[in-house]
Amino acid sequence: MNTKNLTLFKEKLSAEKVELETQLAGISERNPSNPNEWDATSGGMDIDAADENEVADKMEELEENSGIAQKLEAQLNEVKAALERIEKGTYGVCEICGKEIAIQRLEANPSARNCREHAA
């Protein structure tokens, strides 16, 4: 892969990383014991524990945020791994067969680890 394309993909991945971290920060917070993990929150609104409806709403929101946070965290980990591959010089190479991943595939999914043949 040429340097121009590599720089372009690094910029795309860096921008995606920032966006994912911003989205995660809106519905979760970093785990203090492991800064690479995010724990979902139910928002900043204080509730009256005596009001069962408010408690139920907050629990529902926490459950929704947990599912969303898991998906965003997985995407973030894929983006970080792709950025690491750029630094190691292995970006754009299929992890299974060692062949170059098509530029079109990387344009559609810059964090792709495998060629189209081994995508499943």
C-alpha atoms as a PDB file:
ATOM      1  CA  MET A   1       0.000   0.000   0.000  1.00  0.00           C
ATOM      2  CA  ASN A   2       1.344   3.396  -0.897  1.00  0.00           C
ATOM      3  CA  THR A   3       2.101   6.088   1.671  1.00  0.00           C
ATOM      4  CA  LYS A   4      -0.689   8.378   0.457  1.00  0.00           C
ATOM      5  CA  ASN A   5      -3.364   5.706   0.990  1.00  0.00           C
ATOM      6  CA  LEU A   6      -1.874   4.721   4.329  1.00  0.00           C
ATOM      7  CA  THR A   7      -1.993   8.329   5.518  1.00  0.00           C
ATOM      8  CA  LEU A   8      -5.585   8.673   4.331  1.00  0.00           C
ATOM      9  CA  PHE A   9      -6.681   5.530   6.190  1.00  0.00           C
ATOM     10  CA  LYS A  10      -4.830   6.607   9.329  1.00  0.00           C
ATOM     11  CA  GLU A  11      -6.690   9.940   9.245  1.00  0.00           C
ATOM     12  CA  LYS A  12     -10.051   8.190   8.707  1.00  0.00           C
ATOM     13  CA  LEU A  13      -9.416   5.758  11.538  1.00  0.00           C
ATOM     14  CA  SER A  14      -8.223   8.510  13.897  1.00  0.00           C
ATOM     15  CA  ALA A  15     -11.359  10.545  13.192  1.00  0.00           C
ATOM     16  CA  GLU A  16     -13.545   7.469  13.717  1.00  0.00           C
ATOM     17  CA  LYS A  17     -11.764   6.776  17.026  1.00  0.00           C
ATOM     18  CA  VAL A  18     -12.537  10.291  18.277  1.00  0.00           C
ATOM     19  CA  GLU A  19     -16.180   9.982  17.183  1.00  0.00           C
ATOM     20  CA  LEU A  20     -16.625   6.605  18.892  1.00  0.00           C
ATOM     21  CA  GLU A  21     -15.039   7.877  22.116  1.00  0.00           C
ATOM     22  CA  THR A  22     -17.372  10.896  22.028  1.00  0.00           C
ATOM     23  CA  GLN A  23     -20.410   8.674  21.551  1.00  0.00           C
ATOM     24  CA  LEU A  24     -19.278   6.363  24.338  1.00  0.00           C
ATOM     25  CA  ALA A  25     -18.722   9.296  26.692  1.00  0.00           C
ATOM     26  CA  GLY A  26     -22.356  10.312  26.174  1.00  0.00           C
ATOM     27  CA  ILE A  27     -23.774   7.016  27.438  1.00  0.00           C
ATOM     28  CA  SER A  28     -20.998   5.537  29.551  1.00  0.00           C
ATOM     29  CA  GLU A  29     -17.841   6.262  31.479  1.00  0.00           C
ATOM     30  CA  ARG A  30     -14.378   4.748  31.444  1.00  0.00           C
ATOM     31  CA  ASN A  31     -13.852   1.930  33.890  1.00  0.00           C
ATOM     32  CA  PRO A  32     -11.410   3.329  36.501  1.00  0.00           C
ATOM     33  CA  SER A  33      -9.690  -0.039  36.917  1.00  0.00           C
ATOM     34  CA  ASN A  34      -9.325  -0.540  33.145  1.00  0.00           C
ATOM     35  CA  PRO A  35      -9.345   2.630  30.995  1.00  0.00           C
ATOM     36  CA  ASN A  36      -9.828   0.510  27.849  1.00  0.00           C
ATOM     37  CA  GLU A  37     -13.283  -0.556  29.061  1.00  0.00           C
ATOM     38  CA  TRP A  38     -16.462   1.498  29.281  1.00  0.00           C
ATOM     39  CA  ASP A  39     -19.324   1.067  31.747  1.00  0.00           C
ATOM     40  CA  ALA A  40     -22.803   2.172  30.686  1.00  0.00           C
ATOM     41  CA  THR A  41     -24.588   4.845  32.709  1.00  0.00           C
ATOM     42  CA  SER A  42     -28.223   5.823  32.943  1.00  0.00           C
ATOM     43  CA  GLY A  43     -27.665   9.548  32.537  1.00  0.00           C
ATOM     44  CA  GLY A  44     -27.034  12.288  35.044  1.00  0.00           C
ATOM     45  CA  MET A  45     -30.570  12.908  36.246  1.00  0.00           C
ATOM     46  CA  ASP A  46     -31.127  12.306  39.962  1.00  0.00           C
ATOM     47  CA  ILE A  47     -34.175  10.246  40.722  1.00  0.00           C
ATOM     48  CA  ASP A  48     -36.351   9.729  43.734  1.00  0.00           C
ATOM     49  CA  ALA A  49     -35.815   6.106  44.743  1.00  0.00           C
ATOM     50  CA  ALA A  50     -39.349   6.061  46.126  1.00  0.00           C
ATOM     51  CA  ASP A  51     -40.823   6.665  42.667  1.00  0.00           C
ATOM     52  CA  GLU A  52     -40.954   3.209  41.091  1.00  0.00           C
ATOM     53  CA  ASN A  53     -41.636   4.604  37.602  1.00  0.00           C
ATOM     54  CA  GLU A  54     -38.519   6.776  37.642  1.00  0.00           C
ATOM     55  CA  VAL A  55     -36.434   3.864  38.890  1.00  0.00           C
ATOM     56  CA  ALA A  56     -37.844   1.614  36.150  1.00  0.00           C
ATOM     57  CA  ASP A  57     -37.127   4.264  33.486  1.00  0.00           C
ATOM     58  CA  LYS A  58     -33.533   4.603  34.672  1.00  0.00           C
ATOM     59  CA  MET A  59     -33.046   0.834  34.687  1.00  0.00           C
ATOM     60  CA  GLU A  60     -34.415   0.624  31.146  1.00  0.00           C
ATOM     61  CA  GLU A  61     -32.115   3.439  30.021  1.00  0.00           C
ATOM     62  CA  LEU A  62     -29.126   1.723  31.638  1.00  0.00           C
ATOM     63  CA  GLU A  63     -29.955  -1.524  29.847  1.00  0.00           C
ATOM     64  CA  GLU A  64     -30.281   0.252  26.478  1.00  0.00           C
ATOM     65  CA  ASN A  65     -27.056   2.161  27.021  1.00  0.00           C
ATOM     66  CA  SER A  66     -25.270  -1.034  27.980  1.00  0.00           C
ATOM     67  CA  GLY A  67     -26.100  -2.681  24.648  1.00  0.00           C
ATOM     68  CA  ILE A  68     -25.130   0.410  22.672  1.00  0.00           C
ATOM     69  CA  ALA A  69     -21.916   0.836  24.665  1.00  0.00           C
ATOM     70  CA  GLN A  70     -20.903  -2.770  23.992  1.00  0.00           C
ATOM     71  CA  LYS A  71     -21.287  -2.281  20.243  1.00  0.00           C
ATOM     72  CA  LEU A  72     -19.439   1.039  20.260  1.00  0.00           C
ATOM     73  CA  GLU A  73     -16.659  -0.400  22.434  1.00  0.00           C
ATOM     74  CA  ALA A  74     -16.219  -3.314  20.006  1.00  0.00           C
ATOM     75  CA  GLN A  75     -15.998  -0.872  17.083  1.00  0.00           C
ATOM     76  CA  LEU A  76     -13.513   1.260  19.005  1.00  0.00           C
ATOM     77  CA  ASN A  77     -11.336  -1.782  19.705  1.00  0.00           C
ATOM     78  CA  GLU A  78     -11.350  -2.672  15.987  1.00  0.00           C
ATOM     79  CA  VAL A  79     -10.317   0.888  15.076  1.00  0.00           C
ATOM     80  CA  LYS A  80      -7.527   0.852  17.685  1.00  0.00           C
ATOM     81  CA  ALA A  81      -6.312  -2.494  16.340  1.00  0.00           C
ATOM     82  CA  ALA A  82      -6.260  -1.093  12.797  1.00  0.00           C
ATOM     83  CA  LEU A  83      -4.237   1.915  13.960  1.00  0.00           C
ATOM     84  CA  GLU A  84      -1.803  -0.483  15.652  1.00  0.00           C
ATOM     85  CA  ARG A  85      -1.476  -2.430  12.383  1.00  0.00           C
ATOM     86  CA  ILE A  86      -0.614   0.817  10.619  1.00  0.00           C
ATOM     87  CA  GLU A  87       2.151   1.452  13.156  1.00  0.00           C
ATOM     88  CA  LYS A  88       3.459  -2.134  12.814  1.00  0.00           C
ATOM     89  CA  GLY A  89       3.373  -1.998   9.018  1.00  0.00           C
ATOM     90  CA  THR A  90       0.832  -4.808   8.664  1.00  0.00           C
ATOM     91  CA  TYR A  91      -2.225  -2.699   7.787  1.00  0.00           C
ATOM     92  CA  GLY A  92      -4.084  -3.760   4.660  1.00  0.00           C
ATOM     93  CA  VAL A  93      -2.835  -7.343   4.797  1.00  0.00           C
ATOM     94  CA  CYS A  94      -5.267 -10.218   5.382  1.00  0.00           C
ATOM     95  CA  GLU A  95      -4.586 -11.842   8.752  1.00  0.00           C
ATOM     96  CA  ILE A  96      -5.527 -15.264   7.335  1.00  0.00           C
ATOM     97  CA  CYS A  97      -3.914 -15.568   3.897  1.00  0.00           C
ATOM     98  CA  GLY A  98      -1.411 -12.692   4.005  1.00  0.00           C
ATOM     99  CA  LYS A  99      -2.654 -11.186   0.745  1.00  0.00           C
ATOM    100  CA  GLU A 100      -3.296  -7.480   0.352  1.00  0.00           C
ATOM    101  CA  ILE A 101      -6.839  -6.353   1.205  1.00  0.00           C
ATOM    102  CA  ALA A 102      -8.524  -4.546  -1.684  1.00  0.00           C
ATOM    103  CA  ILE A 103      -8.576  -0.751  -1.359  1.00  0.00           C
ATOM    104  CA  GLN A 104     -12.333  -0.786  -2.033  1.00  0.00           C
ATOM    105  CA  ARG A 105     -12.853  -3.035   1.004  1.00  0.00           C
ATOM    106  CA  LEU A 106     -10.709  -0.784   3.185  1.00  0.00           C
ATOM    107  CA  GLU A 107     -12.578   2.279   1.948  1.00  0.00           C
ATOM    108  CA  ALA A 108     -15.854   0.635   3.002  1.00  0.00           C
ATOM    109  CA  ASN A 109     -14.412  -0.650   6.280  1.00  0.00           C
ATOM    110  CA  PRO A 110     -11.041   0.907   7.200  1.00  0.00           C
ATOM    111  CA  SER A 111     -10.647  -1.439  10.173  1.00  0.00           C
ATOM    112  CA  ALA A 112     -11.031  -4.619   8.069  1.00  0.00           C
ATOM    113  CA  ARG A 113      -8.675  -7.375   9.172  1.00  0.00           C
ATOM    114  CA  ASN A 114      -9.220  -9.766   6.300  1.00  0.00           C
ATOM    115  CA  CYS A 115      -9.683  -9.833   2.543  1.00  0.00           C
ATOM    116  CA  ARG A 116     -13.166 -10.328   1.111  1.00  0.00           C
ATOM    117  CA  GLU A 117     -12.587 -14.070   0.721  1.00  0.00           C
ATOM    118  CA  HIS A 118     -11.848 -14.474   4.443  1.00  0.00           C
ATOM    119  CA  ALA A 119     -14.262 -11.819   5.740  1.00  0.00           C
ATOM    120  CA  ALA A 120     -16.608 -14.384   7.300  1.00  0.00           C
END
